[in-house]
């Protein structure tokens, strides 16, 4: 059994027991339960339900495992013949969640 959910504009394929990283949810603390109501597709025992755009009364329940940071990215801007260089960095923050059950 698996489902495809939409969380903050991104789609994730999830199964019970999976641990995934989603964009940071500031208000979520370790041990909290989250409900994802935007379920786009559910597949169970060979039967597939596809929503238009979402499936009514379907939800995915998950538990917050903690917060992490992604790897550091370096952004360089360089303009030729102008002696102009800019160096910036970025490190995305994520919330790690464990999928507990899929209700359809």
PDB file of N, CA and C in Angstrom:
ATOM      1  N   UNK A   1       0.843  -1.178   0.000  1.00  0.00           N
ATOM      2  CA  UNK A   1       0.000   0.000   0.000  1.00  0.00           C
ATOM      3  C   UNK A   1       0.887   1.239   0.000  1.00  0.00           C
ATOM      4  N   UNK A   2       0.559   2.190  -0.877  1.00  0.00           N
ATOM      5  CA  UNK A   2       1.277   3.448  -0.895  1.00  0.00           C
ATOM      6  C   UNK A   2       0.339   4.568  -1.313  1.00  0.00           C
ATOM      7  N   UNK A   3       0.785   5.792  -1.089  1.00  0.00           N
ATOM      8  CA  UNK A   3      -0.014   6.963  -1.443  1.00  0.00           C
ATOM      9  C   UNK A   3       0.909   8.054  -1.951  1.00  0.00           C
ATOM     10  N   UNK A   4       0.343   8.971  -2.695  1.00  0.00           N
ATOM     11  CA  UNK A   4       1.063  10.164  -3.139  1.00  0.00           C
ATOM     12  C   UNK A   4       0.376  11.352  -2.485  1.00  0.00           C
ATOM     13  N   UNK A   5       1.158  12.128  -1.711  1.00  0.00           N
ATOM     14  CA  UNK A   5       0.592  13.283  -1.016  1.00  0.00           C
ATOM     15  C   UNK A   5       1.234  14.559  -1.548  1.00  0.00           C
ATOM     16  N   UNK A   6       0.515  15.668  -1.360  1.00  0.00           N
ATOM     17  CA  UNK A   6       1.055  16.974  -1.718  1.00  0.00           C
ATOM     18  C   UNK A   6       1.272  17.749  -0.428  1.00  0.00           C
ATOM     19  N   UNK A   7       2.500  18.198  -0.218  1.00  0.00           N
ATOM     20  CA  UNK A   7       2.856  18.948   0.985  1.00  0.00           C
ATOM     21  C   UNK A   7       3.647  20.174   0.567  1.00  0.00           C
ATOM     22  N   UNK A   8       3.036  21.352   0.736  1.00  0.00           N
ATOM     23  CA  UNK A   8       3.667  22.623   0.391  1.00  0.00           C
ATOM     24  C   UNK A   8       4.146  22.676  -1.056  1.00  0.00           C
ATOM     25  N   UNK A   9       3.307  22.212  -1.977  1.00  0.00           N
ATOM     26  CA  UNK A   9       3.617  22.319  -3.394  1.00  0.00           C
ATOM     27  C   UNK A   9       4.504  21.220  -3.943  1.00  0.00           C
ATOM     28  N   UNK A  10       4.919  20.272  -3.115  1.00  0.00           N
ATOM     29  CA  UNK A  10       5.754  19.162  -3.567  1.00  0.00           C
ATOM     30  C   UNK A  10       4.993  17.860  -3.361  1.00  0.00           C
ATOM     31  N   UNK A  11       5.295  16.882  -4.200  1.00  0.00           N
ATOM     32  CA  UNK A  11       4.614  15.598  -4.102  1.00  0.00           C
ATOM     33  C   UNK A  11       5.577  14.541  -3.575  1.00  0.00           C
ATOM     34  N   UNK A  12       5.068  13.683  -2.686  1.00  0.00           N
ATOM     35  CA  UNK A  12       5.872  12.627  -2.080  1.00  0.00           C
ATOM     36  C   UNK A  12       5.125  11.301  -2.184  1.00  0.00           C
ATOM     37  N   UNK A  13       5.836  10.249  -2.576  1.00  0.00           N
ATOM     38  CA  UNK A  13       5.273   8.900  -2.566  1.00  0.00           C
ATOM     39  C   UNK A  13       5.622   8.299  -1.209  1.00  0.00           C
ATOM     40  N   UNK A  14       4.611   7.887  -0.453  1.00  0.00           N
ATOM     41  CA  UNK A  14       4.830   7.418   0.913  1.00  0.00           C
ATOM     42  C   UNK A  14       4.206   6.046   1.117  1.00  0.00           C
ATOM     43  N   UNK A  15       4.827   5.280   1.995  1.00  0.00           N
ATOM     44  CA  UNK A  15       4.322   3.989   2.441  1.00  0.00           C
ATOM     45  C   UNK A  15       4.397   3.968   3.963  1.00  0.00           C
ATOM     46  N   UNK A  16       3.557   3.163   4.628  1.00  0.00           N
ATOM     47  CA  UNK A  16       3.655   3.078   6.087  1.00  0.00           C
ATOM     48  C   UNK A  16       5.047   2.598   6.506  1.00  0.00           C
ATOM     49  N   UNK A  17       5.651   3.306   7.448  1.00  0.00           N
ATOM     50  CA  UNK A  17       6.985   2.967   7.915  1.00  0.00           C
ATOM     51  C   UNK A  17       8.084   3.791   7.268  1.00  0.00           C
ATOM     52  N   UNK A  18       7.789   4.506   6.171  1.00  0.00           N
ATOM     53  CA  UNK A  18       8.786   5.348   5.510  1.00  0.00           C
ATOM     54  C   UNK A  18       9.152   6.546   6.371  1.00  0.00           C
ATOM     55  N   UNK A  19      10.403   6.974   6.266  1.00  0.00           N
ATOM     56  CA  UNK A  19      10.851   8.206   6.905  1.00  0.00           C
ATOM     57  C   UNK A  19      11.271   9.148   5.779  1.00  0.00           C
ATOM     58  N   UNK A  20      10.612  10.305   5.683  1.00  0.00           N
ATOM     59  CA  UNK A  20      10.925  11.261   4.627  1.00  0.00           C
ATOM     60  C   UNK A  20      11.209  12.626   5.234  1.00  0.00           C
ATOM     61  N   UNK A  21      11.828  13.494   4.442  1.00  0.00           N
ATOM     62  CA  UNK A  21      12.105  14.865   4.866  1.00  0.00           C
ATOM     63  C   UNK A  21      11.250  15.806   4.039  1.00  0.00           C
ATOM     64  N   UNK A  22      10.475  16.645   4.723  1.00  0.00           N
ATOM     65  CA  UNK A  22       9.670  17.662   4.056  1.00  0.00           C
ATOM     66  C   UNK A  22      10.218  19.026   4.459  1.00  0.00           C
ATOM     67  N   UNK A  23       9.789  20.081   3.779  1.00  0.00           N
ATOM     68  CA  UNK A  23      10.221  21.422   4.151  1.00  0.00           C
ATOM     69  C   UNK A  23       9.838  21.708   5.595  1.00  0.00           C
ATOM     70  N   UNK A  24      10.607  22.572   6.227  1.00  0.00           N
ATOM     71  CA  UNK A  24      10.477  22.842   7.657  1.00  0.00           C
ATOM     72  C   UNK A  24       9.075  23.277   8.048  1.00  0.00           C
ATOM     73  N   UNK A  25       8.560  22.639   9.088  1.00  0.00           N
ATOM     74  CA  UNK A  25       7.315  23.062   9.732  1.00  0.00           C
ATOM     75  C   UNK A  25       7.716  23.558  11.119  1.00  0.00           C
ATOM     76  N   UNK A  26       7.737  24.872  11.296  1.00  0.00           N
ATOM     77  CA  UNK A  26       8.212  25.466  12.548  1.00  0.00           C
ATOM     78  C   UNK A  26       7.384  25.062  13.757  1.00  0.00           C
ATOM     79  N   UNK A  27       6.074  24.947  13.564  1.00  0.00           N
ATOM     80  CA  UNK A  27       5.198  24.690  14.704  1.00  0.00           C
ATOM     81  C   UNK A  27       5.193  23.232  15.147  1.00  0.00           C
ATOM     82  N   UNK A  28       5.799  22.325  14.362  1.00  0.00           N
ATOM     83  CA  UNK A  28       5.800  20.896  14.708  1.00  0.00           C
ATOM     84  C   UNK A  28       6.984  20.584  15.628  1.00  0.00           C
ATOM     85  N   UNK A  29       6.700  19.860  16.699  1.00  0.00           N
ATOM     86  CA  UNK A  29       7.757  19.447  17.631  1.00  0.00           C
ATOM     87  C   UNK A  29       7.932  17.934  17.545  1.00  0.00           C
ATOM     88  N   UNK A  30       9.052  17.454  18.040  1.00  0.00           N
ATOM     89  CA  UNK A  30       9.339  16.026  18.010  1.00  0.00           C
ATOM     90  C   UNK A  30       8.256  15.260  18.767  1.00  0.00           C
ATOM     91  N   UNK A  31       7.701  14.227  18.126  1.00  0.00           N
ATOM     92  CA  UNK A  31       6.658  13.420  18.742  1.00  0.00           C
ATOM     93  C   UNK A  31       5.244  13.831  18.359  1.00  0.00           C
ATOM     94  N   UNK A  32       5.093  14.997  17.717  1.00  0.00           N
ATOM     95  CA  UNK A  32       3.757  15.445  17.293  1.00  0.00           C
ATOM     96  C   UNK A  32       3.230  14.574  16.155  1.00  0.00           C
ATOM     97  N   UNK A  33       1.905  14.543  16.023  1.00  0.00           N
ATOM     98  CA  UNK A  33       1.271  13.805  14.915  1.00  0.00           C
ATOM     99  C   UNK A  33       0.774  14.818  13.892  1.00  0.00           C
ATOM    100  N   UNK A  34       1.024  14.513  12.624  1.00  0.00           N
ATOM    101  CA  UNK A  34       0.571  15.379  11.538  1.00  0.00           C
ATOM    102  C   UNK A  34      -0.422  14.620  10.665  1.00  0.00           C
ATOM    103  N   UNK A  35      -1.412  15.336  10.155  1.00  0.00           N
ATOM    104  CA  UNK A  35      -2.357  14.752   9.206  1.00  0.00           C
ATOM    105  C   UNK A  35      -2.182  15.462   7.877  1.00  0.00           C
ATOM    106  N   UNK A  36      -1.958  14.693   6.831  1.00  0.00           N
ATOM    107  CA  UNK A  36      -1.820  15.236   5.484  1.00  0.00           C
ATOM    108  C   UNK A  36      -3.108  14.899   4.738  1.00  0.00           C
ATOM    109  N   UNK A  37      -3.930  15.923   4.478  1.00  0.00           N
ATOM    110  CA  UNK A  37      -5.239  15.709   3.876  1.00  0.00           C
ATOM    111  C   UNK A  37      -5.229  15.794   2.356  1.00  0.00           C
ATOM    112  N   UNK A  38      -4.159  16.315   1.785  1.00  0.00           N
ATOM    113  CA  UNK A  38      -4.085  16.428   0.330  1.00  0.00           C
ATOM    114  C   UNK A  38      -3.483  15.149  -0.251  1.00  0.00           C
ATOM    115  N   UNK A  39      -4.301  14.113  -0.354  1.00  0.00           N
ATOM    116  CA  UNK A  39      -3.875  12.821  -0.892  1.00  0.00           C
ATOM    117  C   UNK A  39      -4.284  12.779  -2.363  1.00  0.00           C
ATOM    118  N   UNK A  40      -3.298  12.650  -3.253  1.00  0.00           N
ATOM    119  CA  UNK A  40      -3.557  12.678  -4.688  1.00  0.00           C
ATOM    120  C   UNK A  40      -3.849  11.295  -5.255  1.00  0.00           C
ATOM    121  N   UNK A  41      -3.250  10.249  -4.661  1.00  0.00           N
ATOM    122  CA  UNK A  41      -3.434   8.899  -5.172  1.00  0.00           C
ATOM    123  C   UNK A  41      -3.213   7.887  -4.061  1.00  0.00           C
ATOM    124  N   UNK A  42      -3.991   6.806  -4.077  1.00  0.00           N
ATOM    125  CA  UNK A  42      -3.817   5.711  -3.124  1.00  0.00           C
ATOM    126  C   UNK A  42      -3.858   4.406  -3.899  1.00  0.00           C
ATOM    127  N   UNK A  43      -2.882   3.533  -3.622  1.00  0.00           N
ATOM    128  CA  UNK A  43      -2.865   2.213  -4.235  1.00  0.00           C
ATOM    129  C   UNK A  43      -2.885   1.179  -3.119  1.00  0.00           C
ATOM    130  N   UNK A  44      -3.880   0.276  -3.168  1.00  0.00           N
ATOM    131  CA  UNK A  44      -4.039  -0.720  -2.113  1.00  0.00           C
ATOM    132  C   UNK A  44      -4.494  -2.023  -2.747  1.00  0.00           C
ATOM    133  N   UNK A  45      -3.754  -3.079  -2.534  1.00  0.00           N
ATOM    134  CA  UNK A  45      -4.078  -4.418  -3.044  1.00  0.00           C
ATOM    135  C   UNK A  45      -4.317  -4.429  -4.558  1.00  0.00           C
ATOM    136  N   UNK A  46      -3.521  -3.691  -5.292  1.00  0.00           N
ATOM    137  CA  UNK A  46      -3.650  -3.664  -6.748  1.00  0.00           C
ATOM    138  C   UNK A  46      -4.703  -2.708  -7.270  1.00  0.00           C
ATOM    139  N   UNK A  47      -5.520  -2.146  -6.394  1.00  0.00           N
ATOM    140  CA  UNK A  47      -6.523  -1.163  -6.803  1.00  0.00           C
ATOM    141  C   UNK A  47      -5.951   0.230  -6.610  1.00  0.00           C
ATOM    142  N   UNK A  48      -6.166   1.092  -7.599  1.00  0.00           N
ATOM    143  CA  UNK A  48      -5.628   2.444  -7.543  1.00  0.00           C
ATOM    144  C   UNK A  48      -6.754   3.455  -7.601  1.00  0.00           C
ATOM    145  N   UNK A  49      -6.728   4.404  -6.658  1.00  0.00           N
ATOM    146  CA  UNK A  49      -7.672   5.510  -6.659  1.00  0.00           C
ATOM    147  C   UNK A  49      -6.904   6.773  -6.999  1.00  0.00           C
ATOM    148  N   UNK A  50      -7.407   7.517  -7.970  1.00  0.00           N
ATOM    149  CA  UNK A  50      -6.764   8.768  -8.352  1.00  0.00           C
ATOM    150  C   UNK A  50      -7.761   9.884  -8.107  1.00  0.00           C
ATOM    151  N   UNK A  51      -7.327  10.917  -7.421  1.00  0.00           N
ATOM    152  CA  UNK A  51      -8.205  12.026  -7.082  1.00  0.00           C
ATOM    153  C   UNK A  51      -8.301  13.041  -8.200  1.00  0.00           C
ATOM    154  N   UNK A  52      -9.298  13.909  -8.083  1.00  0.00           N
ATOM    155  CA  UNK A  52      -9.475  14.962  -9.070  1.00  0.00           C
ATOM    156  C   UNK A  52      -9.741  16.278  -8.372  1.00  0.00           C
ATOM    157  N   UNK A  53      -8.826  17.016  -7.810  1.00  0.00           N
ATOM    158  CA  UNK A  53      -7.400  16.721  -7.714  1.00  0.00           C
ATOM    159  C   UNK A  53      -7.025  15.872  -6.495  1.00  0.00           C
ATOM    160  N   UNK A  54      -7.882  15.841  -5.449  1.00  0.00           N
ATOM    161  CA  UNK A  54      -7.549  15.037  -4.271  1.00  0.00           C
ATOM    162  C   UNK A  54      -8.659  14.025  -4.008  1.00  0.00           C
ATOM    163  N   UNK A  55      -8.333  13.040  -3.175  1.00  0.00           N
ATOM    164  CA  UNK A  55      -9.302  12.017  -2.791  1.00  0.00           C
ATOM    165  C   UNK A  55      -9.989  12.474  -1.506  1.00  0.00           C
ATOM    166  N   UNK A  56     -11.324  12.486  -1.522  1.00  0.00           N
ATOM    167  CA  UNK A  56     -12.063  12.896  -0.330  1.00  0.00           C
ATOM    168  C   UNK A  56     -11.958  11.822   0.749  1.00  0.00           C
ATOM    169  N   UNK A  57     -11.929  12.247   1.994  1.00  0.00           N
ATOM    170  CA  UNK A  57     -11.892  11.380   3.176  1.00  0.00           C
ATOM    171  C   UNK A  57     -10.635  10.512   3.240  1.00  0.00           C
ATOM    172  N   UNK A  58      -9.617  10.838   2.492  1.00  0.00           N
ATOM    173  CA  UNK A  58      -8.350  10.105   2.577  1.00  0.00           C
ATOM    174  C   UNK A  58      -7.336  10.994   3.272  1.00  0.00           C
ATOM    175  N   UNK A  59      -6.518  10.393   4.111  1.00  0.00           N
ATOM    176  CA  UNK A  59      -5.480  11.154   4.797  1.00  0.00           C
ATOM    177  C   UNK A  59      -4.321  10.245   5.138  1.00  0.00           C
ATOM    178  N   UNK A  60      -3.178  10.871   5.336  1.00  0.00           N
ATOM    179  CA  UNK A  60      -1.972  10.156   5.733  1.00  0.00           C
ATOM    180  C   UNK A  60      -1.568  10.713   7.087  1.00  0.00           C
ATOM    181  N   UNK A  61      -1.347   9.830   8.038  1.00  0.00           N
ATOM    182  CA  UNK A  61      -0.973  10.237   9.393  1.00  0.00           C
ATOM    183  C   UNK A  61       0.508   9.952   9.590  1.00  0.00           C
ATOM    184  N   UNK A  62       1.215  10.946  10.113  1.00  0.00           N
ATOM    185  CA  UNK A  62       2.658  10.797  10.309  1.00  0.00           C
ATOM    186  C   UNK A  62       3.060  11.348  11.671  1.00  0.00           C
ATOM    187  N   UNK A  63       4.269  10.978  12.081  1.00  0.00           N
ATOM    188  CA  UNK A  63       4.813  11.422  13.361  1.00  0.00           C
ATOM    189  C   UNK A  63       6.122  12.151  13.118  1.00  0.00           C
ATOM    190  N   UNK A  64       6.301  13.287  13.790  1.00  0.00           N
ATOM    191  CA  UNK A  64       7.509  14.092  13.609  1.00  0.00           C
ATOM    192  C   UNK A  64       8.670  13.439  14.349  1.00  0.00           C
ATOM    193  N   UNK A  65       9.774  13.192  13.623  1.00  0.00           N
ATOM    194  CA  UNK A  65      10.971  12.593  14.212  1.00  0.00           C
ATOM    195  C   UNK A  65      11.970  13.653  14.663  1.00  0.00           C
ATOM    196  N   UNK A  66      11.930  14.838  14.055  1.00  0.00           N
ATOM    197  CA  UNK A  66      12.845  15.912  14.418  1.00  0.00           C
ATOM    198  C   UNK A  66      13.085  16.838  13.241  1.00  0.00           C
ATOM    199  N   UNK A  67      14.023  17.767  13.426  1.00  0.00           N
ATOM    200  CA  UNK A  67      14.365  18.725  12.386  1.00  0.00           C
ATOM    201  C   UNK A  67      15.824  18.520  11.984  1.00  0.00           C
ATOM    202  N   UNK A  68      16.110  18.653  10.690  1.00  0.00           N
ATOM    203  CA  UNK A  68      17.475  18.488  10.184  1.00  0.00           C
ATOM    204  C   UNK A  68      17.778  19.599   9.196  1.00  0.00           C
ATOM    205  N   UNK A  69      19.041  19.653   8.778  1.00  0.00           N
ATOM    206  CA  UNK A  69      19.468  20.599   7.756  1.00  0.00           C
ATOM    207  C   UNK A  69      20.033  19.824   6.585  1.00  0.00           C
ATOM    208  N   UNK A  70      19.814  20.349   5.396  1.00  0.00           N
ATOM    209  CA  UNK A  70      20.372  19.743   4.193  1.00  0.00           C
ATOM    210  C   UNK A  70      21.825  20.127   4.035  1.00  0.00           C
ATOM    211  N   UNK A  71      22.435  19.653   2.937  1.00  0.00           N
ATOM    212  CA  UNK A  71      23.834  19.998   2.721  1.00  0.00           C
ATOM    213  C   UNK A  71      23.949  21.442   2.257  1.00  0.00           C
ATOM    214  N   UNK A  72      25.106  22.031   2.481  1.00  0.00           N
ATOM    215  CA  UNK A  72      25.323  23.430   2.165  1.00  0.00           C
ATOM    216  C   UNK A  72      25.552  23.616   0.672  1.00  0.00           C
ATOM    217  N   UNK A  73      24.884  24.604   0.111  1.00  0.00           N
ATOM    218  CA  UNK A  73      25.058  24.948  -1.291  1.00  0.00           C
ATOM    219  C   UNK A  73      25.793  26.276  -1.374  1.00  0.00           C
ATOM    220  N   UNK A  74      26.706  26.380  -2.331  1.00  0.00           N
ATOM    221  CA  UNK A  74      27.445  27.615  -2.544  1.00  0.00           C
ATOM    222  C   UNK A  74      26.992  28.229  -3.857  1.00  0.00           C
ATOM    223  N   UNK A  75      26.635  29.504  -3.800  1.00  0.00           N
ATOM    224  CA  UNK A  75      26.188  30.224  -4.981  1.00  0.00           C
ATOM    225  C   UNK A  75      27.222  31.290  -5.307  1.00  0.00           C
ATOM    226  N   UNK A  76      27.827  31.200  -6.489  1.00  0.00           N
ATOM    227  CA  UNK A  76      28.815  32.184  -6.936  1.00  0.00           C
ATOM    228  C   UNK A  76      28.238  32.962  -8.104  1.00  0.00           C
ATOM    229  N   UNK A  77      28.343  34.277  -8.041  1.00  0.00           N
ATOM    230  CA  UNK A  77      27.983  35.120  -9.175  1.00  0.00           C
ATOM    231  C   UNK A  77      29.261  35.815  -9.629  1.00  0.00           C
ATOM    232  N   UNK A  78      29.523  35.724 -10.901  1.00  0.00           N
ATOM    233  CA  UNK A  78      30.763  36.260 -11.440  1.00  0.00           C
ATOM    234  C   UNK A  78      30.451  37.001 -12.727  1.00  0.00           C
ATOM    235  N   UNK A  79      30.874  38.267 -12.788  1.00  0.00           N
ATOM    236  CA  UNK A  79      30.679  39.049 -14.006  1.00  0.00           C
ATOM    237  C   UNK A  79      32.055  39.315 -14.616  1.00  0.00           C
ATOM    238  N   UNK A  80      32.203  38.941 -15.857  1.00  0.00           N
ATOM    239  CA  UNK A  80      33.514  39.071 -16.495  1.00  0.00           C
ATOM    240  C   UNK A  80      33.888  40.533 -16.722  1.00  0.00           C
ATOM    241  N   UNK A  81      35.140  40.825 -16.607  1.00  0.00           N
ATOM    242  CA  UNK A  81      35.746  42.135 -16.872  1.00  0.00           C
ATOM    243  C   UNK A  81      35.211  43.246 -15.977  1.00  0.00           C
ATOM    244  N   UNK A  82      34.579  42.937 -14.903  1.00  0.00           N
ATOM    245  CA  UNK A  82      34.048  44.000 -14.044  1.00  0.00           C
ATOM    246  C   UNK A  82      34.580  43.892 -12.623  1.00  0.00           C
ATOM    247  N   UNK A  83      35.418  42.894 -12.365  1.00  0.00           N
ATOM    248  CA  UNK A  83      35.965  42.668 -11.031  1.00  0.00           C
ATOM    249  C   UNK A  83      34.830  42.582  -9.999  1.00  0.00           C
ATOM    250  N   UNK A  84      33.782  41.879 -10.383  1.00  0.00           N
ATOM    251  CA  UNK A  84      32.620  41.760  -9.518  1.00  0.00           C
ATOM    252  C   UNK A  84      32.364  40.297  -9.219  1.00  0.00           C
ATOM    253  N   UNK A  85      32.451  39.921  -7.965  1.00  0.00           N
ATOM    254  CA  UNK A  85      32.174  38.549  -7.549  1.00  0.00           C
ATOM    255  C   UNK A  85      31.323  38.593  -6.299  1.00  0.00           C
ATOM    256  N   UNK A  86      30.367  37.684  -6.210  1.00  0.00           N
ATOM    257  CA  UNK A  86      29.523  37.562  -5.030  1.00  0.00           C
ATOM    258  C   UNK A  86      29.450  36.093  -4.654  1.00  0.00           C
ATOM    259  N   UNK A  87      29.665  35.793  -3.376  1.00  0.00           N
ATOM    260  CA  UNK A  87      29.588  34.413  -2.913  1.00  0.00           C
ATOM    261  C   UNK A  87      28.557  34.340  -1.797  1.00  0.00           C
ATOM    262  N   UNK A  88      27.565  33.487  -1.983  1.00  0.00           N
ATOM    263  CA  UNK A  88      26.525  33.279  -0.976  1.00  0.00           C
ATOM    264  C   UNK A  88      26.399  31.790  -0.701  1.00  0.00           C
ATOM    265  N   UNK A  89      25.836  31.458   0.438  1.00  0.00           N
ATOM    266  CA  UNK A  89      25.579  30.064   0.772  1.00  0.00           C
ATOM    267  C   UNK A  89      24.139  29.894   1.206  1.00  0.00           C
ATOM    268  N   UNK A  90      23.669  28.646   1.116  1.00  0.00           N
ATOM    269  CA  UNK A  90      22.306  28.342   1.536  1.00  0.00           C
ATOM    270  C   UNK A  90      22.281  26.937   2.112  1.00  0.00           C
ATOM    271  N   UNK A  91      21.512  26.755   3.178  1.00  0.00           N
ATOM    272  CA  UNK A  91      21.349  25.439   3.782  1.00  0.00           C
ATOM    273  C   UNK A  91      19.890  25.271   4.148  1.00  0.00           C
ATOM    274  N   UNK A  92      19.200  24.415   3.415  1.00  0.00           N
ATOM    275  CA  UNK A  92      17.761  24.215   3.594  1.00  0.00           C
ATOM    276  C   UNK A  92      17.475  23.462   4.896  1.00  0.00           C
ATOM    277  N   UNK A  93      16.402  23.839   5.558  1.00  0.00           N
ATOM    278  CA  UNK A  93      15.985  23.165   6.785  1.00  0.00           C
ATOM    279  C   UNK A  93      14.816  22.248   6.476  1.00  0.00           C
ATOM    280  N   UNK A  94      14.819  21.064   7.080  1.00  0.00           N
ATOM    281  CA  UNK A  94      13.805  20.052   6.828  1.00  0.00           C
ATOM    282  C   UNK A  94      13.202  19.550   8.129  1.00  0.00           C
ATOM    283  N   UNK A  95      11.996  18.988   8.025  1.00  0.00           N
ATOM    284  CA  UNK A  95      11.368  18.273   9.127  1.00  0.00           C
ATOM    285  C   UNK A  95      11.307  16.813   8.722  1.00  0.00           C
ATOM    286  N   UNK A  96      11.843  15.949   9.565  1.00  0.00           N
ATOM    287  CA  UNK A  96      11.848  14.519   9.285  1.00  0.00           C
ATOM    288  C   UNK A  96      10.604  13.897   9.896  1.00  0.00           C
ATOM    289  N   UNK A  97       9.819  13.197   9.049  1.00  0.00           N
ATOM    290  CA  UNK A  97       8.586  12.578   9.528  1.00  0.00           C
ATOM    291  C   UNK A  97       8.574  11.086   9.190  1.00  0.00           C
ATOM    292  N   UNK A  98       7.880  10.319  10.032  1.00  0.00           N
ATOM    293  CA  UNK A  98       7.709   8.885   9.797  1.00  0.00           C
ATOM    294  C   UNK A  98       6.229   8.631   9.541  1.00  0.00           C
ATOM    295  N   UNK A  99       5.931   7.978   8.413  1.00  0.00           N
ATOM    296  CA  UNK A  99       4.551   7.698   8.042  1.00  0.00           C
ATOM    297  C   UNK A  99       4.050   6.535   8.893  1.00  0.00           C
ATOM    298  N   UNK A 100       2.951   6.749   9.622  1.00  0.00           N
ATOM    299  CA  UNK A 100       2.410   5.701  10.478  1.00  0.00           C
ATOM    300  C   UNK A 100       1.270   4.941   9.819  1.00  0.00           C
ATOM    301  N   UNK A 101       0.343   5.650   9.161  1.00  0.00           N
ATOM    302  CA  UNK A 101      -0.740   4.929   8.492  1.00  0.00           C
ATOM    303  C   UNK A 101      -1.358   5.758   7.377  1.00  0.00           C
ATOM    304  N   UNK A 102      -1.983   5.047   6.444  1.00  0.00           N
ATOM    305  CA  UNK A 102      -2.699   5.653   5.331  1.00  0.00           C
ATOM    306  C   UNK A 102      -4.166   5.262   5.471  1.00  0.00           C
ATOM    307  N   UNK A 103      -5.029   6.266   5.584  1.00  0.00           N
ATOM    308  CA  UNK A 103      -6.467   6.028   5.736  1.00  0.00           C
ATOM    309  C   UNK A 103      -7.156   6.437   4.444  1.00  0.00           C
ATOM    310  N   UNK A 104      -7.877   5.494   3.837  1.00  0.00           N
ATOM    311  CA  UNK A 104      -8.577   5.828   2.586  1.00  0.00           C
ATOM    312  C   UNK A 104     -10.051   5.479   2.677  1.00  0.00           C
TER     313      UNK A 104
END
